[in-house]
Protein backbone atom coordinates (compact mmCIF):
# COMPACT_ATOMS: atom_id res chain seq x y z
CA MET A 1 -63.58 -63.41 -71.25
CA ASN A 2 -61.09 -64.86 -73.34
CA ALA A 3 -57.83 -65.69 -70.79
CA PRO A 4 -55.37 -68.45 -72.52
CA ILE A 5 -54.76 -71.04 -70.29
CA MET A 6 -51.22 -72.40 -68.91
CA SER A 7 -51.47 -75.99 -68.80
CA TYR A 8 -50.04 -77.32 -64.99
CA ALA A 9 -50.10 -81.19 -66.74
CA VAL A 10 -46.19 -81.55 -66.39
CA LYS A 11 -45.64 -80.70 -62.83
CA TYR A 12 -43.34 -82.87 -60.81
CA ALA A 13 -42.90 -84.43 -57.62
CA SER A 14 -40.19 -82.53 -56.59
CA ALA A 15 -37.96 -82.16 -53.98
CA PHE A 16 -36.79 -78.10 -55.47
CA TYR A 17 -40.26 -77.07 -54.03
CA GLY A 18 -38.83 -77.48 -50.43
CA PRO A 19 -37.92 -73.61 -49.61
CA PHE A 20 -41.65 -72.48 -50.84
CA ARG A 21 -43.23 -74.89 -49.15
CA GLU A 22 -41.15 -74.18 -45.65
CA ALA A 23 -41.96 -70.68 -46.19
CA ALA A 24 -45.38 -71.24 -46.78
CA GLU A 25 -45.78 -73.26 -44.05
CA ASN A 26 -47.54 -75.83 -46.27
CA CYS A 27 -45.57 -78.66 -46.06
CA PRO A 28 -47.67 -82.17 -46.08
CA SER A 29 -49.09 -83.04 -42.87
CA CYS A 30 -48.70 -86.60 -43.50
CA GLY A 31 -47.83 -88.70 -46.66
CA ASP A 32 -46.86 -86.48 -49.67
CA ARG A 33 -47.79 -84.85 -52.99
CA LYS A 34 -46.91 -87.77 -55.23
CA SER A 35 -50.14 -89.16 -55.83
CA TYR A 36 -50.66 -86.62 -57.90
CA GLN A 37 -47.45 -84.92 -58.85
CA MET A 38 -45.79 -86.64 -61.90
CA ASP A 39 -42.69 -89.65 -61.16
CA PRO A 40 -39.46 -87.57 -62.01
CA ALA A 41 -38.66 -90.64 -63.60
CA ASN A 42 -41.01 -91.31 -66.37
CA GLY A 43 -40.66 -88.78 -69.03
CA ARG A 44 -43.63 -90.30 -71.49
CA GLU A 45 -46.07 -89.69 -68.85
CA ALA A 46 -45.03 -85.70 -69.54
CA MET A 47 -45.56 -86.45 -73.34
CA ARG A 48 -49.46 -88.32 -72.91
CA GLU A 49 -50.35 -85.37 -70.17
CA ALA A 50 -49.36 -82.70 -72.24
CA GLU A 51 -51.15 -84.24 -75.04
CA ALA A 52 -54.07 -84.55 -73.02
CA ASP A 53 -54.16 -81.13 -71.36
CA LEU A 54 -53.77 -79.62 -75.29
CA ALA A 55 -56.82 -82.11 -76.58
CA GLU A 56 -59.13 -80.48 -73.74
CA GLY A 57 -58.19 -76.77 -74.86
CA ALA A 58 -55.07 -75.61 -73.16
CA ASP A 59 -52.53 -73.06 -74.97
CA ILE A 60 -49.33 -73.21 -73.07
CA LEU A 61 -47.52 -75.96 -71.81
CA MET A 62 -45.55 -75.76 -68.62
CA VAL A 63 -42.97 -78.00 -66.90
CA LYS A 64 -42.14 -77.41 -63.19
CA PRO A 65 -40.02 -77.51 -62.01
CA GLY A 66 -37.58 -76.32 -64.63
CA LEU A 67 -33.44 -76.86 -64.67
CA PRO A 68 -33.98 -80.73 -63.69
CA TYR A 69 -36.26 -81.41 -66.38
CA LEU A 70 -34.92 -79.32 -69.44
CA ASP A 71 -34.97 -82.46 -71.95
CA ILE A 72 -38.75 -82.47 -71.59
CA VAL A 73 -39.08 -78.51 -72.00
CA ARG A 74 -36.90 -79.47 -75.42
CA ALA A 75 -39.48 -82.59 -75.90
CA LEU A 76 -42.76 -80.22 -75.53
CA ARG A 77 -41.26 -77.64 -77.98
CA ASP A 78 -40.43 -80.53 -80.45
CA ASN A 79 -43.74 -82.62 -80.65
CA TYR A 80 -46.12 -79.21 -80.07
CA ASP A 81 -46.88 -76.10 -81.57
CA ALA A 82 -48.06 -75.03 -77.93
CA PRO A 83 -45.63 -72.31 -76.17
CA VAL A 84 -43.84 -73.86 -73.48
CA ALA A 85 -43.21 -72.30 -70.13
CA ALA A 86 -40.16 -73.26 -67.51
CA TYR A 87 -41.23 -72.23 -64.09
CA GLN A 88 -37.44 -72.28 -62.11
CA VAL A 89 -39.02 -73.15 -58.82
CA SER A 90 -37.62 -71.94 -55.15
CA GLY A 91 -35.23 -74.64 -54.73
CA GLU A 92 -33.41 -73.50 -57.99
CA TYR A 93 -33.68 -70.13 -56.73
CA SER A 94 -32.61 -70.64 -53.46
CA MET A 95 -29.82 -73.24 -54.43
CA ILE A 96 -27.99 -70.29 -56.46
CA LYS A 97 -28.87 -67.01 -54.42
CA ALA A 98 -27.24 -69.48 -51.24
CA ALA A 99 -24.10 -69.98 -53.11
CA ALA A 100 -23.61 -66.72 -54.19
CA GLN A 101 -23.87 -65.21 -50.32
CA ASN A 102 -20.97 -68.15 -49.44
CA GLY A 103 -18.74 -66.49 -52.41
CA TRP A 104 -18.83 -69.80 -54.07
CA MET A 105 -19.89 -68.60 -57.58
CA ASP A 106 -21.07 -65.24 -59.44
CA GLY A 107 -24.99 -65.57 -58.50
CA ASP A 108 -25.49 -62.71 -61.57
CA ALA A 109 -23.35 -64.91 -64.14
CA VAL A 110 -24.86 -68.28 -62.63
CA MET A 111 -28.40 -66.52 -62.66
CA MET A 112 -28.50 -65.64 -66.68
CA GLU A 113 -26.73 -69.07 -67.16
CA SER A 114 -29.77 -70.94 -65.82
CA LEU A 115 -32.34 -68.62 -67.78
CA MET A 116 -30.38 -68.80 -70.63
CA ALA A 117 -30.70 -72.54 -70.69
CA PHE A 118 -34.40 -72.65 -70.40
CA LYS A 119 -34.62 -70.34 -73.57
CA ARG A 120 -32.30 -72.58 -75.39
CA ALA A 121 -33.73 -76.09 -74.53
CA GLY A 122 -37.11 -74.35 -75.85
CA ALA A 123 -38.77 -72.27 -73.80
CA ASP A 124 -41.22 -69.52 -74.76
CA LEU A 125 -41.48 -68.15 -71.31
CA ILE A 126 -39.79 -68.19 -67.66
CA LEU A 127 -41.23 -67.87 -64.88
CA THR A 128 -38.69 -67.09 -62.03
CA TYR A 129 -38.10 -65.82 -58.67
CA PHE A 130 -35.25 -63.96 -60.43
CA THR A 131 -37.23 -61.47 -62.22
CA GLU A 132 -36.24 -58.40 -60.92
CA ASP A 133 -32.87 -59.76 -60.68
CA ALA A 134 -32.67 -60.78 -64.51
CA LEU A 135 -34.22 -57.18 -65.09
CA ARG A 136 -31.45 -55.29 -63.08
CA VAL A 137 -28.73 -57.42 -65.07
CA LEU A 138 -30.22 -57.12 -68.69
CA ASN A 139 -30.68 -53.05 -68.19
CA GLY A 140 -27.12 -53.06 -66.73
């Protein structure tokens, strides 16, 4: 079988995972996941981890969560020839949905603007909970 490998090397310890963990009833019962997820303040670590994963055969580099780390998406794009994926996680999605439901912003416009930011930063692939909504907007 010949399947591409997407690296999870650039996965930050983040509060943006909260809505998914709560929905999946997957909150840590003790401690946290910081021991195996990256320190959000350490951008250099992302580059080292990505390079190591490429050396081990990764085909795609993923940044998770995406929006708070657009600088890392750009750095990967500028430094490596592999496709870069950005994962727009549950917290990013939930913030936009909640603000739209409360009438605080135009949900479709903010959704599309956030997706455009990933592309502008250099993402070749975007993983998002907004897939169906974005297709609806794009297909008019």
